[in-house]
Amino acid sequence: MRLPTRLATGLPTGLVIRLATGLAPRLAVGLAMGFLVDASSYAQELTPRVYWPAPKGTKVVSLAYQYTTGDILTDPSLPVVGVDSRLSLGQFTYQQMFSLAGRTATAQLSLPYTWGTTAGEIFGEAQRRDLSGWADVTARLSVNLLGAPTMDRAAFQELRAEPRPILGVSLGLVAPTGDYEPDRLINVGSNRWAIKPALGFVYPLRRKWLAELELGVWFFGDNDEFLGRTREQNPVASGQFHLIKRVRPGFWFSLDLTYYYGGRTTVGGVLRADLQRNSRAGGTLVFPFRRHHAIKASFSTGTVTTSGGDYEMLSLVYLYAWN
């Protein structure tokens, strides 16, 4: 169903629903540095083992399915009672480890496709939109600065047997390649660039227990085709903490927490009261089978939500790795 572009009050319906939902799914997975991200905000990442290295030349391909459902609360001044989204996402990801100035580095590229339904109530009238299409392409480059020089298999086995502190940096990128129609109220693509520089630290608590911390900031380009207006967004600072238990080679699980702050938007020159001060919690499990294969499962839910998406996310991923 195509919703009307304006309501009787003069508020663009698209502005109301788009701000309430934010449908630019973004998702990526990998055997050494897997992560899953929901549509509603790039800052809501829960990405364990991003900075844990692998031998030079390791390659990983993965096929992922993600299901997201939830009621998204919006600015109380908007005429929206509540929004319920049920979104699915499938994604192909390629990842490769290589040497950069003698340090372990990882490059990753993800191609997502999403489909689902978003429904909401505006002025007592139920509205619904079914959507499907290609979402924005995502890429990521990470480099371990300390504790993880370029490794062959033997050196990696030594690190796994006696883990040491690791310091790394990364740069995430979201390109505006997803399906986007300027006159549509809800879109799959975001129609803007986004980048995230981040600093990560891995500290071995015990031989098989790791603590991982990441601090980063998302910076967003403008969407100049937001229902005839320009939509801008302030940076979003985010922090992640992961407690990781390594069971055996390739088999691990983690408890994941994230907190993010910022992201107020300006639409048509009007600054909105949508500051985000949100947190999420979840868990991740990776189980290998045979020699090169693994299955990854992940779940997360909102713990504190002041603005933006409050939802639950479940994902399943098949991974194949080789060197």
C-alpha atoms as a PDB file:
ATOM      1  CA  MET A   1       0.000   0.000   0.000  1.00  0.00           C
ATOM      2  CA  ARG A   2       1.275   3.450  -0.888  1.00  0.00           C
ATOM      3  CA  LEU A   3       0.626   5.928   1.909  1.00  0.00           C
ATOM      4  CA  PRO A   4      -0.488   9.530   1.292  1.00  0.00           C
ATOM      5  CA  THR A   5       2.383  11.987   1.255  1.00  0.00           C
ATOM      6  CA  ARG A   6       0.750  14.508   3.612  1.00  0.00           C
ATOM      7  CA  LEU A   7      -1.703  14.599   6.489  1.00  0.00           C
ATOM      8  CA  ALA A   8      -4.355  17.220   7.256  1.00  0.00           C
ATOM      9  CA  THR A   9      -2.020  18.919   9.737  1.00  0.00           C
ATOM     10  CA  GLY A  10       0.549  19.624   7.028  1.00  0.00           C
ATOM     11  CA  LEU A  11       3.033  17.162   8.538  1.00  0.00           C
ATOM     12  CA  PRO A  12       4.411  14.873   5.829  1.00  0.00           C
ATOM     13  CA  THR A  13       3.238  11.331   6.552  1.00  0.00           C
ATOM     14  CA  GLY A  14       6.519  10.112   5.102  1.00  0.00           C
ATOM     15  CA  LEU A  15       8.391  12.225   7.607  1.00  0.00           C
ATOM     16  CA  VAL A  16       6.407  10.660  10.438  1.00  0.00           C
ATOM     17  CA  ILE A  17       6.821   7.057   9.353  1.00  0.00           C
ATOM     18  CA  ARG A  18      10.381   7.344   8.082  1.00  0.00           C
ATOM     19  CA  LEU A  19      11.579   8.903  11.326  1.00  0.00           C
ATOM     20  CA  ALA A  20       9.714   6.260  13.269  1.00  0.00           C
ATOM     21  CA  THR A  21      11.159   3.265  11.499  1.00  0.00           C
ATOM     22  CA  GLY A  22      14.391   3.933   9.615  1.00  0.00           C
ATOM     23  CA  LEU A  23      14.601   1.051   7.153  1.00  0.00           C
ATOM     24  CA  ALA A  24      18.151   0.902   5.898  1.00  0.00           C
ATOM     25  CA  PRO A  25      19.184  -2.543   6.920  1.00  0.00           C
ATOM     26  CA  ARG A  26      22.643  -3.000   7.260  1.00  0.00           C
ATOM     27  CA  LEU A  27      24.164  -6.596   8.145  1.00  0.00           C
ATOM     28  CA  ALA A  28      27.660  -8.341   7.907  1.00  0.00           C
ATOM     29  CA  VAL A  29      29.148 -11.595   9.160  1.00  0.00           C
ATOM     30  CA  GLY A  30      32.528 -13.346   9.249  1.00  0.00           C
ATOM     31  CA  LEU A  31      34.170 -16.299  10.930  1.00  0.00           C
ATOM     32  CA  ALA A  32      36.851 -14.199  12.610  1.00  0.00           C
ATOM     33  CA  MET A  33      35.016 -10.877  12.900  1.00  0.00           C
ATOM     34  CA  GLY A  34      31.319 -11.496  12.413  1.00  0.00           C
ATOM     35  CA  PHE A  35      28.649  -8.925  13.087  1.00  0.00           C
ATOM     36  CA  LEU A  36      24.946  -8.358  12.546  1.00  0.00           C
ATOM     37  CA  VAL A  37      23.303  -4.974  12.440  1.00  0.00           C
ATOM     38  CA  ASP A  38      19.644  -4.089  12.291  1.00  0.00           C
ATOM     39  CA  ALA A  39      17.970  -1.624   9.989  1.00  0.00           C
ATOM     40  CA  SER A  40      16.965   1.080  12.417  1.00  0.00           C
ATOM     41  CA  SER A  41      20.356   2.534  13.317  1.00  0.00           C
ATOM     42  CA  TYR A  42      23.937   1.889  12.291  1.00  0.00           C
ATOM     43  CA  ALA A  43      24.980   2.732  15.854  1.00  0.00           C
ATOM     44  CA  GLN A  44      23.120  -0.270  17.258  1.00  0.00           C
ATOM     45  CA  GLU A  45      25.826  -2.711  16.233  1.00  0.00           C
ATOM     46  CA  LEU A  46      26.703  -5.707  18.357  1.00  0.00           C
ATOM     47  CA  THR A  47      29.870  -7.011  16.686  1.00  0.00           C
ATOM     48  CA  PRO A  48      32.011  -9.414  18.713  1.00  0.00           C
ATOM     49  CA  ARG A  49      35.512 -10.465  17.628  1.00  0.00           C
ATOM     50  CA  VAL A  50      35.984  -7.693  15.099  1.00  0.00           C
ATOM     51  CA  TYR A  51      39.649  -7.343  16.080  1.00  0.00           C
ATOM     52  CA  TRP A  52      40.542 -11.003  16.680  1.00  0.00           C
ATOM     53  CA  PRO A  53      43.030 -11.939  13.915  1.00  0.00           C
ATOM     54  CA  ALA A  54      43.359 -14.887  11.557  1.00  0.00           C
ATOM     55  CA  PRO A  55      46.234 -16.221   9.419  1.00  0.00           C
ATOM     56  CA  LYS A  56      47.217 -14.198   6.355  1.00  0.00           C
ATOM     57  CA  GLY A  57      45.218 -15.196   3.295  1.00  0.00           C
ATOM     58  CA  THR A  58      42.191 -16.518   5.182  1.00  0.00           C
ATOM     59  CA  LYS A  59      38.985 -16.009   3.188  1.00  0.00           C
ATOM     60  CA  VAL A  60      35.395 -16.264   4.409  1.00  0.00           C
ATOM     61  CA  VAL A  61      32.094 -16.242   2.539  1.00  0.00           C
ATOM     62  CA  SER A  62      28.790 -16.256   4.356  1.00  0.00           C
ATOM     63  CA  LEU A  63      25.055 -16.367   3.732  1.00  0.00           C
ATOM     64  CA  ALA A  64      22.936 -14.776   6.439  1.00  0.00           C
ATOM     65  CA  TYR A  65      19.268 -14.485   7.344  1.00  0.00           C
ATOM     66  CA  GLN A  66      18.065 -11.901   9.852  1.00  0.00           C
ATOM     67  CA  TYR A  67      14.578 -11.368  11.275  1.00  0.00           C
ATOM     68  CA  THR A  68      13.685  -8.166  13.102  1.00  0.00           C
ATOM     69  CA  THR A  69      10.426  -7.368  14.866  1.00  0.00           C
ATOM     70  CA  GLY A  70       9.365  -4.679  17.266  1.00  0.00           C
ATOM     71  CA  ASP A  71       7.381  -1.623  18.237  1.00  0.00           C
ATOM     72  CA  ILE A  72       9.302   1.563  17.482  1.00  0.00           C
ATOM     73  CA  LEU A  73       8.546   4.562  19.675  1.00  0.00           C
ATOM     74  CA  THR A  74       8.787   8.014  18.132  1.00  0.00           C
ATOM     75  CA  ASP A  75       8.860  11.673  19.127  1.00  0.00           C
ATOM     76  CA  PRO A  76       5.729  12.224  21.304  1.00  0.00           C
ATOM     77  CA  SER A  77       4.904  15.368  19.285  1.00  0.00           C
ATOM     78  CA  LEU A  78       4.343  13.258  16.176  1.00  0.00           C
ATOM     79  CA  PRO A  79       0.826  11.912  15.493  1.00  0.00           C
ATOM     80  CA  VAL A  80       1.951   8.289  15.662  1.00  0.00           C
ATOM     81  CA  VAL A  81       0.621   5.879  18.279  1.00  0.00           C
ATOM     82  CA  GLY A  82       3.076   3.082  17.473  1.00  0.00           C
ATOM     83  CA  VAL A  83       4.848   1.314  14.632  1.00  0.00           C
ATOM     84  CA  ASP A  84       5.247  -2.421  14.258  1.00  0.00           C
ATOM     85  CA  SER A  85       7.825  -3.742  11.788  1.00  0.00           C
ATOM     86  CA  ARG A  86       8.478  -7.306  10.709  1.00  0.00           C
ATOM     87  CA  LEU A  87      11.525  -7.315   8.479  1.00  0.00           C
ATOM     88  CA  SER A  88      13.650 -10.062   6.964  1.00  0.00           C
ATOM     89  CA  LEU A  89      17.099  -9.637   5.498  1.00  0.00           C
ATOM     90  CA  GLY A  90      19.307 -11.935   3.449  1.00  0.00           C
ATOM     91  CA  GLN A  91      22.938 -11.115   2.824  1.00  0.00           C
ATOM     92  CA  PHE A  92      26.043 -12.353   1.073  1.00  0.00           C
ATOM     93  CA  THR A  93      29.393 -11.343   2.585  1.00  0.00           C
ATOM     94  CA  TYR A  94      32.982 -11.814   1.448  1.00  0.00           C
ATOM     95  CA  GLN A  95      35.885 -11.260   3.831  1.00  0.00           C
ATOM     96  CA  GLN A  96      39.654 -11.635   3.463  1.00  0.00           C
ATOM     97  CA  MET A  97      42.632 -11.299   5.814  1.00  0.00           C
ATOM     98  CA  PHE A  98      45.863  -9.832   4.446  1.00  0.00           C
ATOM     99  CA  SER A  99      49.032  -8.042   5.516  1.00  0.00           C
ATOM    100  CA  LEU A 100      49.115  -4.240   5.727  1.00  0.00           C
ATOM    101  CA  ALA A 101      52.504  -2.763   6.739  1.00  0.00           C
ATOM    102  CA  GLY A 102      53.290  -6.015   8.523  1.00  0.00           C
ATOM    103  CA  ARG A 103      50.059  -6.025  10.546  1.00  0.00           C
ATOM    104  CA  THR A 104      46.991  -8.272  10.329  1.00  0.00           C
ATOM    105  CA  ALA A 105      44.260  -6.547   8.301  1.00  0.00           C
ATOM    106  CA  THR A 106      40.774  -7.559   7.219  1.00  0.00           C
ATOM    107  CA  ALA A 107      38.614  -6.302   4.356  1.00  0.00           C
ATOM    108  CA  GLN A 108      34.908  -7.100   4.154  1.00  0.00           C
ATOM    109  CA  LEU A 109      32.120  -6.403   1.651  1.00  0.00           C
ATOM    110  CA  SER A 110      28.408  -7.182   2.158  1.00  0.00           C
ATOM    111  CA  LEU A 111      25.468  -7.215  -0.263  1.00  0.00           C
ATOM    112  CA  PRO A 112      22.075  -7.209   1.541  1.00  0.00           C
ATOM    113  CA  TYR A 113      18.511  -7.717   0.327  1.00  0.00           C
ATOM    114  CA  THR A 114      15.524  -7.011   2.570  1.00  0.00           C
ATOM    115  CA  TRP A 115      11.777  -7.581   2.571  1.00  0.00           C
ATOM    116  CA  GLY A 116       8.962  -7.193   5.076  1.00  0.00           C
ATOM    117  CA  THR A 117       6.119  -5.069   6.396  1.00  0.00           C
ATOM    118  CA  THR A 118       5.847  -1.901   8.451  1.00  0.00           C
ATOM    119  CA  ALA A 119       2.503  -0.844   9.958  1.00  0.00           C
ATOM    120  CA  GLY A 120       1.542   2.147  12.073  1.00  0.00           C
ATOM    121  CA  GLU A 121      -1.444   4.169  13.283  1.00  0.00           C
ATOM    122  CA  ILE A 122      -1.691   7.843  12.320  1.00  0.00           C
ATOM    123  CA  PHE A 123      -4.609   9.956  13.624  1.00  0.00           C
ATOM    124  CA  GLY A 124      -6.417   6.711  14.431  1.00  0.00           C
ATOM    125  CA  GLU A 125      -6.022   5.412  10.884  1.00  0.00           C
ATOM    126  CA  ALA A 126      -4.035   2.220  10.347  1.00  0.00           C
ATOM    127  CA  GLN A 127      -1.346   2.451   7.664  1.00  0.00           C
ATOM    128  CA  ARG A 128       0.789  -0.316   6.216  1.00  0.00           C
ATOM    129  CA  ARG A 129       3.645  -0.651   3.730  1.00  0.00           C
ATOM    130  CA  ASP A 130       5.007  -3.861   2.235  1.00  0.00           C
ATOM    131  CA  LEU A 131       8.520  -3.450   0.878  1.00  0.00           C
ATOM    132  CA  SER A 132      11.369  -5.381  -0.688  1.00  0.00           C
ATOM    133  CA  GLY A 133      14.606  -4.569  -2.470  1.00  0.00           C
ATOM    134  CA  TRP A 134      18.367  -4.274  -2.337  1.00  0.00           C
ATOM    135  CA  ALA A 135      19.668  -2.462   0.733  1.00  0.00           C
ATOM    136  CA  ASP A 136      22.821  -0.359   1.011  1.00  0.00           C
ATOM    137  CA  VAL A 137      26.167  -2.048   0.348  1.00  0.00           C
ATOM    138  CA  THR A 138      28.477  -2.050   3.368  1.00  0.00           C
ATOM    139  CA  ALA A 139      32.248  -2.384   3.628  1.00  0.00           C
ATOM    140  CA  ARG A 140      34.747  -2.497   6.450  1.00  0.00           C
ATOM    141  CA  LEU A 141      38.518  -2.370   6.821  1.00  0.00           C
ATOM    142  CA  SER A 142      40.215  -3.199  10.117  1.00  0.00           C
ATOM    143  CA  VAL A 143      43.914  -3.236  11.036  1.00  0.00           C
ATOM    144  CA  ASN A 144      45.465  -4.562  14.237  1.00  0.00           C
ATOM    145  CA  LEU A 145      48.098  -2.070  15.372  1.00  0.00           C
ATOM    146  CA  LEU A 146      49.489  -3.897  18.420  1.00  0.00           C
ATOM    147  CA  GLY A 147      49.583  -7.545  19.446  1.00  0.00           C
ATOM    148  CA  ALA A 148      48.719  -9.081  16.067  1.00  0.00           C
ATOM    149  CA  PRO A 149      51.379  -8.812  13.375  1.00  0.00           C
ATOM    150  CA  THR A 150      50.850 -10.640  10.097  1.00  0.00           C
ATOM    151  CA  MET A 151      50.671 -14.357  10.955  1.00  0.00           C
ATOM    152  CA  ASP A 152      51.006 -17.711   9.291  1.00  0.00           C
ATOM    153  CA  ARG A 153      49.143 -20.699  10.705  1.00  0.00           C
ATOM    154  CA  ALA A 154      51.870 -21.590  13.194  1.00  0.00           C
ATOM    155  CA  ALA A 155      52.035 -18.066  14.623  1.00  0.00           C
ATOM    156  CA  PHE A 156      48.256 -17.939  14.860  1.00  0.00           C
ATOM    157  CA  GLN A 157      48.190 -21.212  16.803  1.00  0.00           C
ATOM    158  CA  GLU A 158      50.666 -19.693  19.260  1.00  0.00           C
ATOM    159  CA  LEU A 159      48.425 -16.650  19.740  1.00  0.00           C
ATOM    160  CA  ARG A 160      45.394 -18.844  20.268  1.00  0.00           C
ATOM    161  CA  ALA A 161      47.250 -20.911  22.877  1.00  0.00           C
ATOM    162  CA  GLU A 162      48.591 -17.823  24.681  1.00  0.00           C
ATOM    163  CA  PRO A 163      46.410 -14.811  23.792  1.00  0.00           C
ATOM    164  CA  ARG A 164      47.833 -11.334  24.340  1.00  0.00           C
ATOM    165  CA  PRO A 165      46.325  -7.815  24.327  1.00  0.00           C
ATOM    166  CA  ILE A 166      45.416  -6.524  20.858  1.00  0.00           C
ATOM    167  CA  LEU A 167      44.776  -2.946  19.770  1.00  0.00           C
ATOM    168  CA  GLY A 168      43.129  -2.249  16.429  1.00  0.00           C
ATOM    169  CA  VAL A 169      41.408   0.384  14.323  1.00  0.00           C
ATOM    170  CA  SER A 170      38.651   0.033  11.768  1.00  0.00           C
ATOM    171  CA  LEU A 171      36.688   2.060   9.244  1.00  0.00           C
ATOM    172  CA  GLY A 172      33.135   1.120   8.318  1.00  0.00           C
ATOM    173  CA  LEU A 173      31.377   2.450   5.220  1.00  0.00           C
ATOM    174  CA  VAL A 174      27.748   2.419   4.072  1.00  0.00           C
ATOM    175  CA  ALA A 175      27.206   3.392   0.423  1.00  0.00           C
ATOM    176  CA  PRO A 176      23.821   4.702  -0.838  1.00  0.00           C
ATOM    177  CA  THR A 177      23.278   1.854  -3.303  1.00  0.00           C
ATOM    178  CA  GLY A 178      19.974   0.558  -1.929  1.00  0.00           C
ATOM    179  CA  ASP A 179      16.582   0.931  -3.573  1.00  0.00           C
ATOM    180  CA  TYR A 180      15.266   4.443  -2.919  1.00  0.00           C
ATOM    181  CA  GLU A 181      12.287   6.356  -4.299  1.00  0.00           C
ATOM    182  CA  PRO A 182      12.127  10.030  -3.260  1.00  0.00           C
ATOM    183  CA  ASP A 183       8.312  10.086  -3.285  1.00  0.00           C
ATOM    184  CA  ARG A 184       8.002   6.964  -1.130  1.00  0.00           C
ATOM    185  CA  LEU A 185       7.499   7.331   2.602  1.00  0.00           C
ATOM    186  CA  ILE A 186       9.455   4.220   3.550  1.00  0.00           C
ATOM    187  CA  ASN A 187      12.492   3.037   1.621  1.00  0.00           C
ATOM    188  CA  VAL A 188      14.922   0.151   1.816  1.00  0.00           C
ATOM    189  CA  GLY A 189      17.956   2.290   0.998  1.00  0.00           C
ATOM    190  CA  SER A 190      19.074   5.290   3.064  1.00  0.00           C
ATOM    191  CA  ASN A 191      20.129   7.542   0.138  1.00  0.00           C
ATOM    192  CA  ARG A 192      23.179   8.840   2.025  1.00  0.00           C
ATOM    193  CA  TRP A 193      26.761   7.929   2.829  1.00  0.00           C
ATOM    194  CA  ALA A 194      27.866   6.940   6.321  1.00  0.00           C
ATOM    195  CA  ILE A 195      31.314   6.191   7.759  1.00  0.00           C
ATOM    196  CA  LYS A 196      32.465   4.970  11.145  1.00  0.00           C
ATOM    197  CA  PRO A 197      36.059   5.199  12.405  1.00  0.00           C
ATOM    198  CA  ALA A 198      36.570   3.087  15.520  1.00  0.00           C
ATOM    199  CA  LEU A 199      39.209   1.946  17.997  1.00  0.00           C
ATOM    200  CA  GLY A 200      39.092  -1.576  19.452  1.00  0.00           C
ATOM    201  CA  PHE A 201      40.880  -3.361  22.272  1.00  0.00           C
ATOM    202  CA  VAL A 202      40.966  -7.080  23.089  1.00  0.00           C
ATOM    203  CA  TYR A 203      42.212  -8.132  26.507  1.00  0.00           C
ATOM    204  CA  PRO A 204      42.643 -11.798  27.576  1.00  0.00           C
ATOM    205  CA  LEU A 205      41.093 -12.279  31.020  1.00  0.00           C
ATOM    206  CA  ARG A 206      42.120 -15.921  31.030  1.00  0.00           C
ATOM    207  CA  ARG A 207      43.397 -18.313  28.397  1.00  0.00           C
ATOM    208  CA  LYS A 208      39.916 -18.855  26.924  1.00  0.00           C
ATOM    209  CA  TRP A 209      38.149 -15.724  28.121  1.00  0.00           C
ATOM    210  CA  LEU A 210      38.466 -12.443  26.223  1.00  0.00           C
ATOM    211  CA  ALA A 211      37.092  -8.962  26.882  1.00  0.00           C
ATOM    212  CA  GLU A 212      36.617  -6.763  23.836  1.00  0.00           C
ATOM    213  CA  LEU A 213      35.861  -3.034  23.836  1.00  0.00           C
ATOM    214  CA  GLU A 214      35.170  -0.796  20.846  1.00  0.00           C
ATOM    215  CA  LEU A 215      34.627   2.977  20.765  1.00  0.00           C
ATOM    216  CA  GLY A 216      33.546   4.624  17.530  1.00  0.00           C
ATOM    217  CA  VAL A 217      31.564   7.428  15.917  1.00  0.00           C
ATOM    218  CA  TRP A 218      29.181   7.261  12.952  1.00  0.00           C
ATOM    219  CA  PHE A 219      29.215  10.281  10.610  1.00  0.00           C
ATOM    220  CA  PHE A 220      26.364  10.694   8.131  1.00  0.00           C
ATOM    221  CA  GLY A 221      25.981  12.467   4.831  1.00  0.00           C
ATOM    222  CA  ASP A 222      22.788  14.345   3.986  1.00  0.00           C
ATOM    223  CA  ASN A 223      19.758  12.864   2.282  1.00  0.00           C
ATOM    224  CA  ASP A 224      18.774  15.591  -0.183  1.00  0.00           C
ATOM    225  CA  GLU A 225      15.689  13.730  -1.408  1.00  0.00           C
ATOM    226  CA  PHE A 226      13.719  13.222   1.799  1.00  0.00           C
ATOM    227  CA  LEU A 227      10.170  13.929   0.577  1.00  0.00           C
ATOM    228  CA  GLY A 228      11.250  17.175  -1.024  1.00  0.00           C
ATOM    229  CA  ARG A 229      13.399  18.177   1.947  1.00  0.00           C
ATOM    230  CA  THR A 230      16.968  17.672   3.132  1.00  0.00           C
ATOM    231  CA  ARG A 231      17.476  15.367   6.100  1.00  0.00           C
ATOM    232  CA  GLU A 232      20.665  15.792   8.133  1.00  0.00           C
ATOM    233  CA  GLN A 233      21.838  13.779  11.141  1.00  0.00           C
ATOM    234  CA  ASN A 234      24.377  14.591  13.815  1.00  0.00           C
ATOM    235  CA  PRO A 235      27.127  12.027  14.562  1.00  0.00           C
ATOM    236  CA  VAL A 236      26.338   9.078  16.812  1.00  0.00           C
ATOM    237  CA  ALA A 237      28.979   7.959  19.326  1.00  0.00           C
ATOM    238  CA  SER A 238      28.852   4.286  20.270  1.00  0.00           C
ATOM    239  CA  GLY A 239      30.568   1.904  22.626  1.00  0.00           C
ATOM    240  CA  GLN A 240      30.495  -1.891  22.633  1.00  0.00           C
ATOM    241  CA  PHE A 241      31.581  -4.435  25.202  1.00  0.00           C
ATOM    242  CA  HIS A 242      31.836  -8.181  24.601  1.00  0.00           C
ATOM    243  CA  LEU A 243      32.688 -10.984  27.016  1.00  0.00           C
ATOM    244  CA  ILE A 244      33.888 -13.871  24.854  1.00  0.00           C
ATOM    245  CA  LYS A 245      34.398 -17.509  25.798  1.00  0.00           C
ATOM    246  CA  ARG A 246      36.506 -19.620  23.423  1.00  0.00           C
ATOM    247  CA  VAL A 247      35.492 -23.276  23.767  1.00  0.00           C
ATOM    248  CA  ARG A 248      37.713 -24.834  21.083  1.00  0.00           C
ATOM    249  CA  PRO A 249      39.068 -23.749  17.686  1.00  0.00           C
ATOM    250  CA  GLY A 250      36.257 -22.022  15.812  1.00  0.00           C
ATOM    251  CA  PHE A 251      33.718 -22.635  18.614  1.00  0.00           C
ATOM    252  CA  TRP A 252      32.947 -19.599  20.772  1.00  0.00           C
ATOM    253  CA  PHE A 253      30.128 -17.593  22.309  1.00  0.00           C
ATOM    254  CA  SER A 254      29.793 -14.079  23.698  1.00  0.00           C
ATOM    255  CA  LEU A 255      27.623 -11.769  25.757  1.00  0.00           C
ATOM    256  CA  ASP A 256      27.243  -8.429  23.979  1.00  0.00           C
ATOM    257  CA  LEU A 257      26.366  -4.907  25.149  1.00  0.00           C
ATOM    258  CA  THR A 258      26.256  -1.572  23.322  1.00  0.00           C
ATOM    259  CA  TYR A 259      25.403   2.026  24.199  1.00  0.00           C
ATOM    260  CA  TYR A 260      25.082   4.888  21.737  1.00  0.00           C
ATOM    261  CA  TYR A 261      24.423   8.614  22.049  1.00  0.00           C
ATOM    262  CA  GLY A 262      23.615  11.416  19.631  1.00  0.00           C
ATOM    263  CA  GLY A 263      22.060  11.397  16.187  1.00  0.00           C
ATOM    264  CA  ARG A 264      19.617  14.324  16.373  1.00  0.00           C
ATOM    265  CA  THR A 265      18.176  14.988  12.948  1.00  0.00           C
ATOM    266  CA  THR A 266      17.312  18.164  11.080  1.00  0.00           C
ATOM    267  CA  VAL A 267      14.594  17.992   8.417  1.00  0.00           C
ATOM    268  CA  GLY A 268      14.001  20.993   6.189  1.00  0.00           C
ATOM    269  CA  GLY A 269      16.053  23.174   8.526  1.00  0.00           C
ATOM    270  CA  VAL A 270      14.050  22.174  11.633  1.00  0.00           C
ATOM    271  CA  LEU A 271      15.999  20.466  14.435  1.00  0.00           C
ATOM    272  CA  ARG A 272      14.052  17.530  15.853  1.00  0.00           C
ATOM    273  CA  ALA A 273      13.822  16.277  19.429  1.00  0.00           C
ATOM    274  CA  ASP A 274      15.085  12.773  18.620  1.00  0.00           C
ATOM    275  CA  LEU A 275      18.352  12.536  20.552  1.00  0.00           C
ATOM    276  CA  GLN A 276      19.322   8.868  20.983  1.00  0.00           C
ATOM    277  CA  ARG A 277      20.522   7.569  24.353  1.00  0.00           C
ATOM    278  CA  ASN A 278      19.930   3.892  23.833  1.00  0.00           C
ATOM    279  CA  SER A 279      21.421   0.537  24.763  1.00  0.00           C
ATOM    280  CA  ARG A 280      21.077  -3.036  23.569  1.00  0.00           C
ATOM    281  CA  ALA A 281      22.114  -6.447  24.873  1.00  0.00           C
ATOM    282  CA  GLY A 282      22.459  -9.809  23.203  1.00  0.00           C
ATOM    283  CA  GLY A 283      24.404 -12.980  22.668  1.00  0.00           C
ATOM    284  CA  THR A 284      26.317 -14.697  19.863  1.00  0.00           C
ATOM    285  CA  LEU A 285      27.236 -18.346  19.294  1.00  0.00           C
ATOM    286  CA  VAL A 286      29.473 -19.782  16.561  1.00  0.00           C
ATOM    287  CA  PHE A 287      29.663 -23.552  16.087  1.00  0.00           C
ATOM    288  CA  PRO A 288      32.050 -25.089  13.505  1.00  0.00           C
ATOM    289  CA  PHE A 289      31.452 -28.388  11.729  1.00  0.00           C
ATOM    290  CA  ARG A 290      33.649 -30.402   9.424  1.00  0.00           C
ATOM    291  CA  ARG A 291      36.786 -28.489   8.465  1.00  0.00           C
ATOM    292  CA  HIS A 292      35.751 -25.265   6.787  1.00  0.00           C
ATOM    293  CA  HIS A 293      32.113 -24.756   7.797  1.00  0.00           C
ATOM    294  CA  ALA A 294      30.378 -22.988  10.682  1.00  0.00           C
ATOM    295  CA  ILE A 295      26.931 -21.879  11.812  1.00  0.00           C
ATOM    296  CA  LYS A 296      26.445 -18.620  13.674  1.00  0.00           C
ATOM    297  CA  ALA A 297      23.385 -17.616  15.718  1.00  0.00           C
ATOM    298  CA  SER A 298      22.789 -14.219  17.280  1.00  0.00           C
ATOM    299  CA  PHE A 299      20.036 -12.527  19.278  1.00  0.00           C
ATOM    300  CA  SER A 300      19.689  -8.994  20.644  1.00  0.00           C
ATOM    301  CA  THR A 301      17.053  -6.797  22.234  1.00  0.00           C
ATOM    302  CA  GLY A 302      16.711  -3.214  23.392  1.00  0.00           C
ATOM    303  CA  THR A 303      17.372  -2.525  27.077  1.00  0.00           C
ATOM    304  CA  VAL A 304      16.978   1.279  27.190  1.00  0.00           C
ATOM    305  CA  THR A 305      15.397   3.241  24.324  1.00  0.00           C
ATOM    306  CA  THR A 306      14.819   7.000  24.480  1.00  0.00           C
ATOM    307  CA  SER A 307      14.442   7.526  20.722  1.00  0.00           C
ATOM    308  CA  GLY A 308      14.726   5.289  17.697  1.00  0.00           C
ATOM    309  CA  GLY A 309      14.240   1.570  17.308  1.00  0.00           C
ATOM    310  CA  ASP A 310      13.128  -0.700  20.150  1.00  0.00           C
ATOM    311  CA  TYR A 311      13.071  -4.177  18.660  1.00  0.00           C
ATOM    312  CA  GLU A 312      14.281  -7.766  18.817  1.00  0.00           C
ATOM    313  CA  MET A 313      16.573  -9.330  16.249  1.00  0.00           C
ATOM    314  CA  LEU A 314      17.404 -12.970  15.506  1.00  0.00           C
ATOM    315  CA  SER A 315      19.957 -14.041  12.909  1.00  0.00           C
ATOM    316  CA  LEU A 316      21.333 -17.278  11.491  1.00  0.00           C
ATOM    317  CA  VAL A 317      24.452 -17.422   9.336  1.00  0.00           C
ATOM    318  CA  TYR A 318      26.246 -20.114   7.355  1.00  0.00           C
ATOM    319  CA  LEU A 319      30.001 -19.532   6.914  1.00  0.00           C
ATOM    320  CA  TYR A 320      32.659 -21.173   4.792  1.00  0.00           C
ATOM    321  CA  ALA A 321      36.332 -20.346   5.421  1.00  0.00           C
ATOM    322  CA  TRP A 322      39.507 -21.398   3.634  1.00  0.00           C
ATOM    323  CA  ASN A 323      43.153 -20.373   3.254  1.00  0.00           C
END
